[in-house]
Amino acid sequence: MSAIIFGAAHIDRIGFASVAANATSAPGRVRRSFGGVGYNVATGLAALGESGELVSAVGSDPDGRDLLRDLGSRSVGTALVSVVPDRATASYHAIINADGTLLGAVADMEIYETLTEAHVTPLAARIAGAGIVFVDANLPPETLRRIADMDRVGLLIANTVSVAKASRLDAIIDRIDVLFTNRDEASALAAGGETEPGDAAGCAATLCERGAGAAIVSHGAAPIALAQRGEEVLTVPVPPARPVDETGAGDALIAGTLFGLLNGRDLANAIHVGVAAARSCIESTGSGLPPDRIGAITRALKG
């Protein structure tokens, strides 16, 4: 089975405060790296030994060229990544507080609006034959609908990305086989606000009632809720971790879970691979899976 991944690939500029930075400036350091949900899922799968094609867009600028070189070095196919003239490559700017938590972030993602219906329609054959079709909500709503309407043999898996963009999945929720989200994003997407914010299990169940085949709702270090249509909600424990950088942890959860699914595990088992991947990500700097932890993640597949 193969995967085709539609989503964000951009530059991360992350500031790490050495003391508490609430409502003030603080000494620290700034790191430039590569990220985005699509990027993190595609490179995570590649690191775990699974091939996938990334569909995204970058600018015709130095950031875009650096990003394409990096993707190639990580064995991610870039033939379907568009280079858009006179556009800036998307970027994500965040501040990590001294305790390792995210203080706040700004995302400049305008270039993804170029990923239109016309852009994805020629990819119908690839979508039809993929074992997994993954989309993130950085794509325009009409593009998400076009992908969801296409014939396919594999699973359609989606991620809400943010509270602001979660509603982009509303129109296709009944065609999503597995929906990854967090507590706040799930609350924003849940029907009519009926689900209490913070109730991950309730959010997951509501999203399945609205049509999703399965919903995975995370909330930091709290247990993950896994709901599957017609079944009781499962609670998946999250082992204790020593957080260094939370950036990309949710994407690592997705990559690890997709790795399990591509290797024949059902969702209730595959998610444990995702939990191992997320923990590895949290305990290291950067949004990717650290090479020295790949063995621990793949061992979770056999557990």
C-alpha atoms as a PDB file:
ATOM      1  CA  MET A   1       0.000   0.000   0.000  1.00  0.00           C
ATOM      2  CA  SER A   2       1.122   3.547  -0.713  1.00  0.00           C
ATOM      3  CA  ALA A   3       0.147   6.978   0.550  1.00  0.00           C
ATOM      4  CA  ILE A   4      -0.506  10.290  -1.183  1.00  0.00           C
ATOM      5  CA  ILE A   5      -0.308  13.273   1.154  1.00  0.00           C
ATOM      6  CA  PHE A   6      -1.973  16.617   0.439  1.00  0.00           C
ATOM      7  CA  GLY A   7      -0.931  19.392   2.773  1.00  0.00           C
ATOM      8  CA  ALA A   8       1.374  22.048   4.097  1.00  0.00           C
ATOM      9  CA  ALA A   9       5.144  22.093   3.664  1.00  0.00           C
ATOM     10  CA  HIS A  10       6.773  25.241   4.934  1.00  0.00           C
ATOM     11  CA  ILE A  11       9.494  26.932   6.938  1.00  0.00           C
ATOM     12  CA  ASP A  12       9.339  26.802  10.731  1.00  0.00           C
ATOM     13  CA  ARG A  13      10.999  29.608  12.645  1.00  0.00           C
ATOM     14  CA  ILE A  14      10.837  28.708  16.319  1.00  0.00           C
ATOM     15  CA  GLY A  15      12.002  30.869  19.214  1.00  0.00           C
ATOM     16  CA  PHE A  16      12.961  29.041  22.402  1.00  0.00           C
ATOM     17  CA  ALA A  17      12.753  31.238  25.503  1.00  0.00           C
ATOM     18  CA  SER A  18      15.260  30.461  28.263  1.00  0.00           C
ATOM     19  CA  VAL A  19      13.031  32.082  30.908  1.00  0.00           C
ATOM     20  CA  ALA A  20       9.260  32.607  31.133  1.00  0.00           C
ATOM     21  CA  ALA A  21       8.173  34.742  28.166  1.00  0.00           C
ATOM     22  CA  ASN A  22       4.564  35.495  29.055  1.00  0.00           C
ATOM     23  CA  ALA A  23       3.620  38.972  27.762  1.00  0.00           C
ATOM     24  CA  THR A  24       7.266  40.068  27.559  1.00  0.00           C
ATOM     25  CA  SER A  25      10.484  39.508  25.626  1.00  0.00           C
ATOM     26  CA  ALA A  26      12.939  36.923  26.882  1.00  0.00           C
ATOM     27  CA  PRO A  27      16.458  35.765  26.041  1.00  0.00           C
ATOM     28  CA  GLY A  28      16.689  32.555  24.066  1.00  0.00           C
ATOM     29  CA  ARG A  29      17.531  31.193  20.652  1.00  0.00           C
ATOM     30  CA  VAL A  30      15.766  30.946  17.291  1.00  0.00           C
ATOM     31  CA  ARG A  31      15.857  27.867  15.061  1.00  0.00           C
ATOM     32  CA  ARG A  32      14.908  27.633  11.386  1.00  0.00           C
ATOM     33  CA  SER A  33      13.711  24.260  10.189  1.00  0.00           C
ATOM     34  CA  PHE A  34      11.141  22.678   7.912  1.00  0.00           C
ATOM     35  CA  GLY A  35       7.619  21.723   8.896  1.00  0.00           C
ATOM     36  CA  GLY A  36       3.921  21.760   8.077  1.00  0.00           C
ATOM     37  CA  VAL A  37       1.429  18.944   8.576  1.00  0.00           C
ATOM     38  CA  GLY A  38       1.947  17.485   5.111  1.00  0.00           C
ATOM     39  CA  TYR A  39       5.717  17.764   5.413  1.00  0.00           C
ATOM     40  CA  ASN A  40       5.793  16.163   8.869  1.00  0.00           C
ATOM     41  CA  VAL A  41       3.524  13.283   7.890  1.00  0.00           C
ATOM     42  CA  ALA A  42       5.393  12.603   4.623  1.00  0.00           C
ATOM     43  CA  THR A  43       8.866  12.755   6.184  1.00  0.00           C
ATOM     44  CA  GLY A  44       7.684  10.783   9.211  1.00  0.00           C
ATOM     45  CA  LEU A  45       6.448   7.976   6.994  1.00  0.00           C
ATOM     46  CA  ALA A  46       9.691   8.075   4.985  1.00  0.00           C
ATOM     47  CA  ALA A  47      11.762   7.875   8.173  1.00  0.00           C
ATOM     48  CA  LEU A  48       9.770   4.785   9.160  1.00  0.00           C
ATOM     49  CA  GLY A  49      10.447   3.188   5.773  1.00  0.00           C
ATOM     50  CA  GLU A  50       7.179   3.908   3.946  1.00  0.00           C
ATOM     51  CA  SER A  51       7.107   5.762   0.645  1.00  0.00           C
ATOM     52  CA  GLY A  52       4.628   8.518  -0.060  1.00  0.00           C
ATOM     53  CA  GLU A  53       4.014  11.308  -2.535  1.00  0.00           C
ATOM     54  CA  LEU A  54       3.594  14.840  -1.207  1.00  0.00           C
ATOM     55  CA  VAL A  55       1.271  17.287  -2.946  1.00  0.00           C
ATOM     56  CA  SER A  56       1.965  20.851  -1.805  1.00  0.00           C
ATOM     57  CA  ALA A  57       3.156  24.265  -3.009  1.00  0.00           C
ATOM     58  CA  VAL A  58       6.276  26.352  -2.345  1.00  0.00           C
ATOM     59  CA  GLY A  59       7.412  29.744  -3.557  1.00  0.00           C
ATOM     60  CA  SER A  60      10.120  30.471  -6.127  1.00  0.00           C
ATOM     61  CA  ASP A  61      12.361  31.787  -3.366  1.00  0.00           C
ATOM     62  CA  PRO A  62      15.373  30.495  -1.391  1.00  0.00           C
ATOM     63  CA  ASP A  63      13.086  29.004   1.284  1.00  0.00           C
ATOM     64  CA  GLY A  64      11.235  27.014  -1.385  1.00  0.00           C
ATOM     65  CA  ARG A  65      14.435  25.717  -2.944  1.00  0.00           C
ATOM     66  CA  ASP A  66      15.806  24.714   0.464  1.00  0.00           C
ATOM     67  CA  LEU A  67      12.570  22.924   1.280  1.00  0.00           C
ATOM     68  CA  LEU A  68      12.594  20.907  -1.937  1.00  0.00           C
ATOM     69  CA  ARG A  69      16.217  19.889  -1.370  1.00  0.00           C
ATOM     70  CA  ASP A  70      15.400  18.793   2.162  1.00  0.00           C
ATOM     71  CA  LEU A  71      12.409  16.722   1.062  1.00  0.00           C
ATOM     72  CA  GLY A  72      14.536  14.996  -1.567  1.00  0.00           C
ATOM     73  CA  SER A  73      17.226  14.204   0.992  1.00  0.00           C
ATOM     74  CA  ARG A  74      14.560  12.519   3.137  1.00  0.00           C
ATOM     75  CA  SER A  75      13.336  10.280   0.291  1.00  0.00           C
ATOM     76  CA  VAL A  76      10.036  12.100  -0.135  1.00  0.00           C
ATOM     77  CA  GLY A  77       8.900  12.459  -3.734  1.00  0.00           C
ATOM     78  CA  THR A  78       8.635  16.124  -4.786  1.00  0.00           C
ATOM     79  CA  ALA A  79       7.323  15.732  -8.348  1.00  0.00           C
ATOM     80  CA  LEU A  80       3.864  16.856  -7.188  1.00  0.00           C
ATOM     81  CA  VAL A  81       5.090  19.868  -5.183  1.00  0.00           C
ATOM     82  CA  SER A  82       4.334  22.999  -7.222  1.00  0.00           C
ATOM     83  CA  VAL A  83       6.749  25.925  -7.391  1.00  0.00           C
ATOM     84  CA  VAL A  84       4.590  29.060  -7.577  1.00  0.00           C
ATOM     85  CA  PRO A  85       6.276  32.119  -9.156  1.00  0.00           C
ATOM     86  CA  ASP A  86       6.195  35.406  -7.260  1.00  0.00           C
ATOM     87  CA  ARG A  87       4.834  33.807  -4.087  1.00  0.00           C
ATOM     88  CA  ALA A  88       6.561  33.417  -0.746  1.00  0.00           C
ATOM     89  CA  THR A  89       6.969  29.945   0.676  1.00  0.00           C
ATOM     90  CA  ALA A  90       4.645  29.480   3.623  1.00  0.00           C
ATOM     91  CA  SER A  91       6.101  29.988   7.084  1.00  0.00           C
ATOM     92  CA  TYR A  92       5.218  29.262  10.700  1.00  0.00           C
ATOM     93  CA  HIS A  93       6.590  31.437  13.493  1.00  0.00           C
ATOM     94  CA  ALA A  94       6.252  30.172  17.073  1.00  0.00           C
ATOM     95  CA  ILE A  95       7.582  30.814  20.569  1.00  0.00           C
ATOM     96  CA  ILE A  96       8.251  27.898  22.899  1.00  0.00           C
ATOM     97  CA  ASN A  97       8.210  28.904  26.557  1.00  0.00           C
ATOM     98  CA  ALA A  98      10.877  27.874  29.037  1.00  0.00           C
ATOM     99  CA  ASP A  99       8.771  24.895  30.180  1.00  0.00           C
ATOM    100  CA  GLY A 100       8.566  23.489  26.625  1.00  0.00           C
ATOM    101  CA  THR A 101       4.966  24.510  25.960  1.00  0.00           C
ATOM    102  CA  LEU A 102       3.777  26.536  22.982  1.00  0.00           C
ATOM    103  CA  LEU A 103       3.262  30.194  23.929  1.00  0.00           C
ATOM    104  CA  GLY A 104       1.818  31.271  20.583  1.00  0.00           C
ATOM    105  CA  ALA A 105       2.344  31.174  16.838  1.00  0.00           C
ATOM    106  CA  VAL A 106       1.615  32.973  13.564  1.00  0.00           C
ATOM    107  CA  ALA A 107       1.139  31.036  10.324  1.00  0.00           C
ATOM    108  CA  ASP A 108       1.542  32.645   6.859  1.00  0.00           C
ATOM    109  CA  MET A 109      -0.115  30.035   4.628  1.00  0.00           C
ATOM    110  CA  GLU A 110      -1.535  32.064   1.722  1.00  0.00           C
ATOM    111  CA  ILE A 111       0.304  30.054  -0.926  1.00  0.00           C
ATOM    112  CA  TYR A 112      -1.827  26.976  -0.233  1.00  0.00           C
ATOM    113  CA  GLU A 113      -4.790  28.761  -1.808  1.00  0.00           C
ATOM    114  CA  THR A 114      -3.093  27.945  -5.145  1.00  0.00           C
ATOM    115  CA  LEU A 115      -3.854  24.253  -4.550  1.00  0.00           C
ATOM    116  CA  THR A 116      -7.177  24.504  -6.358  1.00  0.00           C
ATOM    117  CA  GLU A 117      -9.595  21.898  -7.723  1.00  0.00           C
ATOM    118  CA  ALA A 118      -7.878  22.220 -11.100  1.00  0.00           C
ATOM    119  CA  HIS A 119      -4.575  21.357  -9.422  1.00  0.00           C
ATOM    120  CA  VAL A 120      -5.760  18.061  -7.934  1.00  0.00           C
ATOM    121  CA  THR A 121      -8.132  16.817 -10.661  1.00  0.00           C
ATOM    122  CA  PRO A 122      -5.277  15.425 -12.837  1.00  0.00           C
ATOM    123  CA  LEU A 123      -4.217  13.308  -9.842  1.00  0.00           C
ATOM    124  CA  ALA A 124      -7.401  11.217  -9.912  1.00  0.00           C
ATOM    125  CA  ALA A 125      -5.591   8.011 -10.902  1.00  0.00           C
ATOM    126  CA  ARG A 126      -3.043   8.373  -8.101  1.00  0.00           C
ATOM    127  CA  ILE A 127      -5.805   9.073  -5.587  1.00  0.00           C
ATOM    128  CA  ALA A 128      -7.837   6.098  -6.820  1.00  0.00           C
ATOM    129  CA  GLY A 129      -4.965   3.665  -6.352  1.00  0.00           C
ATOM    130  CA  ALA A 130      -3.476   4.876  -3.057  1.00  0.00           C
ATOM    131  CA  GLY A 131      -3.864   2.845   0.111  1.00  0.00           C
ATOM    132  CA  ILE A 132      -4.126   6.075   2.090  1.00  0.00           C
ATOM    133  CA  VAL A 133      -5.160   9.538   0.902  1.00  0.00           C
ATOM    134  CA  PHE A 134      -4.252  12.100   3.560  1.00  0.00           C
ATOM    135  CA  VAL A 135      -5.449  15.715   3.544  1.00  0.00           C
ATOM    136  CA  ASP A 136      -4.917  18.576   5.966  1.00  0.00           C
ATOM    137  CA  ALA A 137      -7.197  21.576   6.364  1.00  0.00           C
ATOM    138  CA  ASN A 138      -4.627  23.993   4.954  1.00  0.00           C
ATOM    139  CA  LEU A 139      -6.152  23.134   1.567  1.00  0.00           C
ATOM    140  CA  PRO A 140      -9.013  25.311   0.283  1.00  0.00           C
ATOM    141  CA  PRO A 141     -12.493  23.923   1.097  1.00  0.00           C
ATOM    142  CA  GLU A 142     -13.380  23.361  -2.564  1.00  0.00           C
ATOM    143  CA  THR A 143     -10.181  21.364  -3.071  1.00  0.00           C
ATOM    144  CA  LEU A 144     -10.941  19.204  -0.050  1.00  0.00           C
ATOM    145  CA  ARG A 145     -14.415  18.531  -1.465  1.00  0.00           C
ATOM    146  CA  ARG A 146     -12.973  17.607  -4.867  1.00  0.00           C
ATOM    147  CA  ILE A 147     -10.565  15.097  -3.326  1.00  0.00           C
ATOM    148  CA  ALA A 148     -13.313  13.605  -1.147  1.00  0.00           C
ATOM    149  CA  ASP A 149     -15.554  13.172  -4.214  1.00  0.00           C
ATOM    150  CA  MET A 150     -12.956  11.216  -6.189  1.00  0.00           C
ATOM    151  CA  ASP A 151     -13.050   7.430  -6.477  1.00  0.00           C
ATOM    152  CA  ARG A 152     -10.532   5.602  -4.306  1.00  0.00           C
ATOM    153  CA  VAL A 153      -9.829   2.156  -2.905  1.00  0.00           C
ATOM    154  CA  GLY A 154      -7.974   3.379   0.175  1.00  0.00           C
ATOM    155  CA  LEU A 155      -8.772   5.339   3.303  1.00  0.00           C
ATOM    156  CA  LEU A 156      -9.390   9.100   3.345  1.00  0.00           C
ATOM    157  CA  ILE A 157      -7.630  10.457   6.433  1.00  0.00           C
ATOM    158  CA  ALA A 158      -7.790  14.097   7.491  1.00  0.00           C
ATOM    159  CA  ASN A 159      -6.390  16.532  10.046  1.00  0.00           C
ATOM    160  CA  THR A 160      -8.107  19.719  11.254  1.00  0.00           C
ATOM    161  CA  VAL A 161      -4.799  21.687  11.583  1.00  0.00           C
ATOM    162  CA  SER A 162      -6.196  24.505  13.764  1.00  0.00           C
ATOM    163  CA  VAL A 163      -9.356  25.857  15.361  1.00  0.00           C
ATOM    164  CA  ALA A 164      -9.571  28.468  12.601  1.00  0.00           C
ATOM    165  CA  LYS A 165      -9.389  25.888   9.799  1.00  0.00           C
ATOM    166  CA  ALA A 166     -11.270  22.953  11.344  1.00  0.00           C
ATOM    167  CA  SER A 167     -14.571  24.020   9.738  1.00  0.00           C
ATOM    168  CA  ARG A 168     -13.066  23.413   6.280  1.00  0.00           C
ATOM    169  CA  LEU A 169     -13.661  19.695   6.904  1.00  0.00           C
ATOM    170  CA  ASP A 170     -17.316  20.165   7.783  1.00  0.00           C
ATOM    171  CA  ALA A 171     -18.605  19.558   4.257  1.00  0.00           C
ATOM    172  CA  ILE A 172     -16.676  16.290   3.825  1.00  0.00           C
ATOM    173  CA  ILE A 173     -16.884  14.807   7.316  1.00  0.00           C
ATOM    174  CA  ASP A 174     -19.183  11.992   6.161  1.00  0.00           C
ATOM    175  CA  ARG A 175     -16.508  10.846   3.694  1.00  0.00           C
ATOM    176  CA  ILE A 176     -13.563  10.927   6.112  1.00  0.00           C
ATOM    177  CA  ASP A 177     -12.534   7.448   7.264  1.00  0.00           C
ATOM    178  CA  VAL A 178     -10.215   8.646  10.049  1.00  0.00           C
ATOM    179  CA  LEU A 179     -10.184  12.200  11.434  1.00  0.00           C
ATOM    180  CA  PHE A 180      -7.234  13.394  13.538  1.00  0.00           C
ATOM    181  CA  THR A 181      -7.871  16.432  15.699  1.00  0.00           C
ATOM    182  CA  ASN A 182      -7.263  17.835  19.166  1.00  0.00           C
ATOM    183  CA  ARG A 183      -9.728  18.790  21.862  1.00  0.00           C
ATOM    184  CA  ASP A 184     -10.125  22.445  20.890  1.00  0.00           C
ATOM    185  CA  GLU A 185     -10.305  21.794  17.147  1.00  0.00           C
ATOM    186  CA  ALA A 186     -12.776  18.962  17.686  1.00  0.00           C
ATOM    187  CA  SER A 187     -14.959  21.231  19.806  1.00  0.00           C
ATOM    188  CA  ALA A 188     -14.973  23.789  16.985  1.00  0.00           C
ATOM    189  CA  LEU A 189     -16.024  21.151  14.464  1.00  0.00           C
ATOM    190  CA  ALA A 190     -18.544  19.282  16.651  1.00  0.00           C
ATOM    191  CA  ALA A 191     -22.154  19.813  15.646  1.00  0.00           C
ATOM    192  CA  GLY A 192     -23.841  22.871  17.095  1.00  0.00           C
ATOM    193  CA  GLY A 193     -21.374  23.246  19.948  1.00  0.00           C
ATOM    194  CA  GLU A 194     -23.169  20.443  21.765  1.00  0.00           C
ATOM    195  CA  THR A 195     -19.951  18.889  23.001  1.00  0.00           C
ATOM    196  CA  GLU A 196     -18.374  20.451  26.078  1.00  0.00           C
ATOM    197  CA  PRO A 197     -14.907  21.867  25.401  1.00  0.00           C
ATOM    198  CA  GLY A 198     -12.351  19.574  26.971  1.00  0.00           C
ATOM    199  CA  ASP A 199     -14.447  16.431  26.702  1.00  0.00           C
ATOM    200  CA  ALA A 200     -12.291  14.553  24.220  1.00  0.00           C
ATOM    201  CA  ALA A 201     -14.366  11.365  24.355  1.00  0.00           C
ATOM    202  CA  GLY A 202     -17.587  13.295  23.790  1.00  0.00           C
ATOM    203  CA  CYS A 203     -16.051  15.217  20.889  1.00  0.00           C
ATOM    204  CA  ALA A 204     -14.824  12.004  19.269  1.00  0.00           C
ATOM    205  CA  ALA A 205     -18.240  10.374  19.582  1.00  0.00           C
ATOM    206  CA  THR A 206     -19.998  13.446  18.187  1.00  0.00           C
ATOM    207  CA  LEU A 207     -17.693  13.590  15.162  1.00  0.00           C
ATOM    208  CA  CYS A 208     -18.549   9.955  14.379  1.00  0.00           C
ATOM    209  CA  GLU A 209     -22.253  10.724  14.817  1.00  0.00           C
ATOM    210  CA  ARG A 210     -21.786  13.497  12.257  1.00  0.00           C
ATOM    211  CA  GLY A 211     -20.410  10.973   9.770  1.00  0.00           C
ATOM    212  CA  ALA A 212     -16.687  10.393  10.327  1.00  0.00           C
ATOM    213  CA  GLY A 213     -15.750   6.721  10.221  1.00  0.00           C
ATOM    214  CA  ALA A 214     -13.388   7.245  13.145  1.00  0.00           C
ATOM    215  CA  ALA A 215     -12.177  10.218  15.173  1.00  0.00           C
ATOM    216  CA  ILE A 216      -8.945  10.477  17.152  1.00  0.00           C
ATOM    217  CA  VAL A 217      -8.985  13.369  19.630  1.00  0.00           C
ATOM    218  CA  SER A 218      -5.854  14.277  21.574  1.00  0.00           C
ATOM    219  CA  HIS A 219      -5.238  16.810  24.310  1.00  0.00           C
ATOM    220  CA  GLY A 220      -1.600  17.204  25.289  1.00  0.00           C
ATOM    221  CA  ALA A 221      -0.496  14.589  27.803  1.00  0.00           C
ATOM    222  CA  ALA A 222      -4.080  13.515  28.561  1.00  0.00           C
ATOM    223  CA  PRO A 223      -5.348  10.156  27.263  1.00  0.00           C
ATOM    224  CA  ILE A 224      -6.371  10.098  23.605  1.00  0.00           C
ATOM    225  CA  ALA A 225      -9.991   9.382  22.693  1.00  0.00           C
ATOM    226  CA  LEU A 226     -10.597   6.997  19.789  1.00  0.00           C
ATOM    227  CA  ALA A 227     -14.156   6.698  18.523  1.00  0.00           C
ATOM    228  CA  GLN A 228     -15.199   4.430  15.674  1.00  0.00           C
ATOM    229  CA  ARG A 229     -18.670   4.542  14.201  1.00  0.00           C
ATOM    230  CA  GLY A 230     -20.938   2.053  15.942  1.00  0.00           C
ATOM    231  CA  GLU A 231     -18.425   1.216  18.679  1.00  0.00           C
ATOM    232  CA  GLU A 232     -17.723   2.428  22.202  1.00  0.00           C
ATOM    233  CA  VAL A 233     -15.143   5.188  22.589  1.00  0.00           C
ATOM    234  CA  LEU A 234     -11.717   3.869  23.574  1.00  0.00           C
ATOM    235  CA  THR A 235      -9.298   5.704  25.843  1.00  0.00           C
ATOM    236  CA  VAL A 236      -5.668   5.376  24.755  1.00  0.00           C
ATOM    237  CA  PRO A 237      -3.158   6.167  27.523  1.00  0.00           C
ATOM    238  CA  VAL A 238      -0.248   8.494  26.789  1.00  0.00           C
ATOM    239  CA  PRO A 239       2.965   7.392  28.558  1.00  0.00           C
ATOM    240  CA  PRO A 240       4.793  10.085  30.552  1.00  0.00           C
ATOM    241  CA  ALA A 241       7.296  12.101  28.530  1.00  0.00           C
ATOM    242  CA  ARG A 242       9.961  14.712  29.233  1.00  0.00           C
ATOM    243  CA  PRO A 243       8.910  17.527  26.881  1.00  0.00           C
ATOM    244  CA  VAL A 244      11.622  19.409  25.020  1.00  0.00           C
ATOM    245  CA  ASP A 245       9.574  20.773  22.099  1.00  0.00           C
ATOM    246  CA  GLU A 246       5.893  20.009  21.440  1.00  0.00           C
ATOM    247  CA  THR A 247       6.087  21.232  17.819  1.00  0.00           C
ATOM    248  CA  GLY A 248       4.931  18.509  15.439  1.00  0.00           C
ATOM    249  CA  ALA A 249       3.820  16.019  18.105  1.00  0.00           C
ATOM    250  CA  GLY A 250       0.310  15.764  16.657  1.00  0.00           C
ATOM    251  CA  ASP A 251       1.756  15.209  13.188  1.00  0.00           C
ATOM    252  CA  ALA A 252       4.031  12.477  14.550  1.00  0.00           C
ATOM    253  CA  LEU A 253       0.937  10.807  16.038  1.00  0.00           C
ATOM    254  CA  ILE A 254      -0.573  10.814  12.554  1.00  0.00           C
ATOM    255  CA  ALA A 255       2.576   9.525  10.818  1.00  0.00           C
ATOM    256  CA  GLY A 256       3.015   6.678  13.291  1.00  0.00           C
ATOM    257  CA  THR A 257      -0.637   5.669  13.078  1.00  0.00           C
ATOM    258  CA  LEU A 258      -0.565   5.735   9.276  1.00  0.00           C
ATOM    259  CA  PHE A 259       2.577   3.598   9.380  1.00  0.00           C
ATOM    260  CA  GLY A 260       0.676   1.034  11.442  1.00  0.00           C
ATOM    261  CA  LEU A 261      -2.290   1.078   9.056  1.00  0.00           C
ATOM    262  CA  LEU A 262      -0.033   0.674   6.014  1.00  0.00           C
ATOM    263  CA  ASN A 263       1.475  -2.362   7.722  1.00  0.00           C
ATOM    264  CA  GLY A 264      -1.855  -4.088   8.166  1.00  0.00           C
ATOM    265  CA  ARG A 265      -2.793  -3.089  11.721  1.00  0.00           C
ATOM    266  CA  ASP A 266      -6.323  -2.068  12.573  1.00  0.00           C
ATOM    267  CA  LEU A 267      -6.813   1.444  13.891  1.00  0.00           C
ATOM    268  CA  ALA A 268      -7.052   0.451  17.567  1.00  0.00           C
ATOM    269  CA  ASN A 269      -3.587  -1.125  17.311  1.00  0.00           C
ATOM    270  CA  ALA A 270      -2.029   1.320  14.855  1.00  0.00           C
ATOM    271  CA  ILE A 271      -2.660   4.263  17.177  1.00  0.00           C
ATOM    272  CA  HIS A 272      -0.159   2.858  19.686  1.00  0.00           C
ATOM    273  CA  VAL A 273       2.551   3.239  17.040  1.00  0.00           C
ATOM    274  CA  GLY A 274       1.405   6.837  16.663  1.00  0.00           C
ATOM    275  CA  VAL A 275       1.657   7.409  20.427  1.00  0.00           C
ATOM    276  CA  ALA A 276       5.247   6.090  20.396  1.00  0.00           C
ATOM    277  CA  ALA A 277       6.092   8.427  17.505  1.00  0.00           C
ATOM    278  CA  ALA A 278       4.533  11.443  19.238  1.00  0.00           C
ATOM    279  CA  ARG A 279       6.467  10.749  22.423  1.00  0.00           C
ATOM    280  CA  SER A 280       9.725  10.534  20.477  1.00  0.00           C
ATOM    281  CA  CYS A 281       8.958  13.859  18.820  1.00  0.00           C
ATOM    282  CA  ILE A 282       8.118  15.619  22.101  1.00  0.00           C
ATOM    283  CA  GLU A 283      11.344  14.470  23.730  1.00  0.00           C
ATOM    284  CA  SER A 284      13.546  15.968  20.996  1.00  0.00           C
ATOM    285  CA  THR A 285      14.039  19.329  19.303  1.00  0.00           C
ATOM    286  CA  GLY A 286      12.262  19.848  15.993  1.00  0.00           C
ATOM    287  CA  SER A 287       9.066  18.601  14.412  1.00  0.00           C
ATOM    288  CA  GLY A 288      10.446  15.418  12.852  1.00  0.00           C
ATOM    289  CA  LEU A 289      11.066  11.918  14.139  1.00  0.00           C
ATOM    290  CA  PRO A 290      14.597  11.655  15.594  1.00  0.00           C
ATOM    291  CA  PRO A 291      16.630   8.962  13.779  1.00  0.00           C
ATOM    292  CA  ASP A 292      17.822   7.382  17.023  1.00  0.00           C
ATOM    293  CA  ARG A 293      14.203   6.729  18.076  1.00  0.00           C
ATOM    294  CA  ILE A 294      12.988   5.018  14.898  1.00  0.00           C
ATOM    295  CA  GLY A 295      13.727   1.576  16.332  1.00  0.00           C
ATOM    296  CA  ALA A 296      11.553   2.231  19.378  1.00  0.00           C
ATOM    297  CA  ILE A 297       8.699   3.388  17.157  1.00  0.00           C
ATOM    298  CA  THR A 298       8.847   0.400  14.814  1.00  0.00           C
ATOM    299  CA  ARG A 299       8.994  -1.960  17.808  1.00  0.00           C
ATOM    300  CA  ALA A 300       5.618  -0.538  18.871  1.00  0.00           C
ATOM    301  CA  LEU A 301       4.259  -2.050  15.633  1.00  0.00           C
ATOM    302  CA  LYS A 302       5.111  -5.496  16.973  1.00  0.00           C
ATOM    303  CA  GLY A 303       3.772  -4.853  20.471  1.00  0.00           C
END
